[in-house]
Amino acid sequence: MKFIVTISQDEDGMYIADCPSIPGCVSQGRTKDEAIQNIRDAIVECLEVRSERGIPLTFF
């Protein structure tokens, strides 16, 4: 599966990564690359939890 991820930088310089199609799936990193890797891990975890609980995997 491929997901759209948005990345922004907060006022402290941290990169915030969000996967809008999976509610609550957000991560961060000190660098853009770290944020991307962290959101990849978060997506896997979010999908596993949603599957275990019988929640639809994505919002869209």
N, C-alpha and C. Protein backbone atom coordinates (compact mmCIF):
# COMPACT_ATOMS: atom_id res chain seq x y z
N MET A 1 0.83 -1.18 0.00
CA MET A 1 0.00 0.00 0.00
C MET A 1 0.88 1.25 0.00
N LYS A 2 0.40 2.26 -0.67
CA LYS A 2 1.08 3.55 -0.64
C LYS A 2 0.16 4.56 0.03
N PHE A 3 0.75 5.42 0.83
CA PHE A 3 0.00 6.44 1.55
C PHE A 3 0.62 7.81 1.30
N ILE A 4 -0.23 8.80 1.24
CA ILE A 4 0.25 10.18 1.16
C ILE A 4 0.62 10.61 2.57
N VAL A 5 1.78 11.24 2.69
CA VAL A 5 2.27 11.73 3.97
C VAL A 5 2.59 13.21 3.81
N THR A 6 2.17 14.00 4.78
CA THR A 6 2.53 15.42 4.78
C THR A 6 3.62 15.62 5.82
N ILE A 7 4.54 16.52 5.50
CA ILE A 7 5.63 16.83 6.42
C ILE A 7 5.71 18.34 6.58
N SER A 8 5.75 18.76 7.82
CA SER A 8 5.90 20.19 8.11
C SER A 8 6.96 20.33 9.20
N GLN A 9 7.43 21.54 9.37
CA GLN A 9 8.43 21.80 10.39
C GLN A 9 7.83 22.71 11.44
N ASP A 10 7.97 22.35 12.70
CA ASP A 10 7.40 23.18 13.76
C ASP A 10 8.36 24.29 14.16
N GLU A 11 7.94 25.11 15.10
CA GLU A 11 8.72 26.27 15.51
C GLU A 11 10.04 25.91 16.19
N ASP A 12 10.16 24.66 16.66
CA ASP A 12 11.40 24.21 17.29
C ASP A 12 12.34 23.51 16.31
N GLY A 13 11.91 23.42 15.04
CA GLY A 13 12.75 22.79 14.03
C GLY A 13 12.50 21.31 13.83
N MET A 14 11.59 20.74 14.60
CA MET A 14 11.25 19.32 14.44
C MET A 14 10.39 19.15 13.20
N TYR A 15 10.56 18.01 12.52
CA TYR A 15 9.73 17.69 11.36
C TYR A 15 8.58 16.80 11.82
N ILE A 16 7.38 17.21 11.47
CA ILE A 16 6.17 16.49 11.85
C ILE A 16 5.63 15.80 10.60
N ALA A 17 5.44 14.49 10.69
CA ALA A 17 4.91 13.71 9.57
C ALA A 17 3.53 13.19 9.94
N ASP A 18 2.59 13.33 9.01
CA ASP A 18 1.20 12.96 9.24
C ASP A 18 0.71 12.14 8.06
N CYS A 19 -0.03 11.07 8.35
CA CYS A 19 -0.66 10.27 7.30
C CYS A 19 -2.16 10.53 7.39
N PRO A 20 -2.69 11.46 6.59
CA PRO A 20 -4.08 11.88 6.72
C PRO A 20 -5.12 10.77 6.53
N SER A 21 -4.78 9.72 5.78
CA SER A 21 -5.78 8.68 5.54
C SER A 21 -5.90 7.69 6.70
N ILE A 22 -5.01 7.80 7.69
CA ILE A 22 -5.10 6.97 8.90
C ILE A 22 -5.22 7.91 10.09
N PRO A 23 -6.43 8.12 10.60
CA PRO A 23 -6.62 9.07 11.70
C PRO A 23 -5.69 8.79 12.88
N GLY A 24 -5.02 9.84 13.34
CA GLY A 24 -4.15 9.75 14.49
C GLY A 24 -2.75 9.23 14.20
N CYS A 25 -2.47 8.95 12.95
CA CYS A 25 -1.14 8.42 12.59
C CYS A 25 -0.20 9.58 12.30
N VAL A 26 0.56 9.96 13.33
CA VAL A 26 1.46 11.12 13.27
C VAL A 26 2.77 10.71 13.92
N SER A 27 3.86 11.24 13.40
CA SER A 27 5.17 11.00 14.00
C SER A 27 6.03 12.24 13.80
N GLN A 28 7.27 12.18 14.24
CA GLN A 28 8.16 13.32 14.10
C GLN A 28 9.60 12.86 14.02
N GLY A 29 10.50 13.78 13.72
CA GLY A 29 11.91 13.47 13.68
C GLY A 29 12.73 14.74 13.69
N ARG A 30 13.99 14.62 14.05
CA ARG A 30 14.89 15.78 14.06
C ARG A 30 15.26 16.20 12.65
N THR A 31 15.24 15.24 11.71
CA THR A 31 15.50 15.53 10.30
C THR A 31 14.31 15.03 9.49
N LYS A 32 14.24 15.49 8.24
CA LYS A 32 13.15 15.05 7.37
C LYS A 32 13.24 13.53 7.15
N ASP A 33 14.45 13.02 6.95
CA ASP A 33 14.63 11.58 6.75
C ASP A 33 14.20 10.78 7.97
N GLU A 34 14.52 11.28 9.14
CA GLU A 34 14.11 10.59 10.37
C GLU A 34 12.59 10.61 10.51
N ALA A 35 11.97 11.72 10.18
CA ALA A 35 10.50 11.81 10.24
C ALA A 35 9.86 10.83 9.26
N ILE A 36 10.43 10.70 8.08
CA ILE A 36 9.89 9.77 7.08
C ILE A 36 10.00 8.33 7.59
N GLN A 37 11.15 7.96 8.13
CA GLN A 37 11.30 6.60 8.66
C GLN A 37 10.34 6.37 9.83
N ASN A 38 10.20 7.36 10.69
CA ASN A 38 9.31 7.22 11.84
C ASN A 38 7.85 7.09 11.42
N ILE A 39 7.42 7.82 10.39
CA ILE A 39 6.03 7.71 9.96
C ILE A 39 5.80 6.36 9.28
N ARG A 40 6.81 5.85 8.59
CA ARG A 40 6.68 4.50 8.01
C ARG A 40 6.42 3.48 9.11
N ASP A 41 7.20 3.56 10.18
CA ASP A 41 7.01 2.65 11.32
C ASP A 41 5.64 2.86 11.96
N ALA A 42 5.23 4.12 12.09
CA ALA A 42 3.93 4.43 12.70
C ALA A 42 2.78 3.89 11.86
N ILE A 43 2.90 3.99 10.54
CA ILE A 43 1.85 3.47 9.65
C ILE A 43 1.68 1.97 9.87
N VAL A 44 2.79 1.25 9.91
CA VAL A 44 2.72 -0.21 10.13
C VAL A 44 2.03 -0.51 11.46
N GLU A 45 2.44 0.19 12.50
CA GLU A 45 1.85 -0.04 13.83
C GLU A 45 0.36 0.33 13.86
N CYS A 46 0.02 1.47 13.28
CA CYS A 46 -1.38 1.89 13.25
C CYS A 46 -2.26 0.87 12.52
N LEU A 47 -1.77 0.38 11.39
CA LEU A 47 -2.55 -0.60 10.62
C LEU A 47 -2.71 -1.90 11.39
N GLU A 48 -1.66 -2.33 12.10
CA GLU A 48 -1.76 -3.55 12.90
C GLU A 48 -2.80 -3.41 14.00
N VAL A 49 -2.76 -2.29 14.72
CA VAL A 49 -3.71 -2.07 15.81
C VAL A 49 -5.14 -1.98 15.27
N ARG A 50 -5.32 -1.24 14.18
CA ARG A 50 -6.66 -1.09 13.60
C ARG A 50 -7.19 -2.44 13.15
N SER A 51 -6.33 -3.27 12.57
CA SER A 51 -6.73 -4.60 12.11
C SER A 51 -7.14 -5.48 13.30
N GLU A 52 -6.33 -5.46 14.37
CA GLU A 52 -6.62 -6.24 15.57
C GLU A 52 -7.95 -5.85 16.21
N ARG A 53 -8.29 -4.58 16.14
CA ARG A 53 -9.51 -4.08 16.78
C ARG A 53 -10.71 -4.05 15.85
N GLY A 54 -10.52 -4.46 14.61
CA GLY A 54 -11.63 -4.48 13.65
C GLY A 54 -12.05 -3.11 13.17
N ILE A 55 -11.15 -2.15 13.26
CA ILE A 55 -11.42 -0.78 12.81
C ILE A 55 -11.03 -0.70 11.33
N PRO A 56 -11.79 0.01 10.51
CA PRO A 56 -11.37 0.16 9.11
C PRO A 56 -9.93 0.67 9.04
N LEU A 57 -9.17 0.13 8.11
CA LEU A 57 -7.74 0.45 8.06
C LEU A 57 -7.46 1.89 7.71
N THR A 58 -8.27 2.46 6.82
CA THR A 58 -8.03 3.85 6.41
C THR A 58 -9.31 4.64 6.47
N PHE A 59 -9.16 5.93 6.47
CA PHE A 59 -10.29 6.86 6.51
C PHE A 59 -10.93 7.01 5.13
N PHE A 60 -10.11 7.00 4.09
CA PHE A 60 -10.59 7.22 2.74
C PHE A 60 -10.76 5.92 2.01
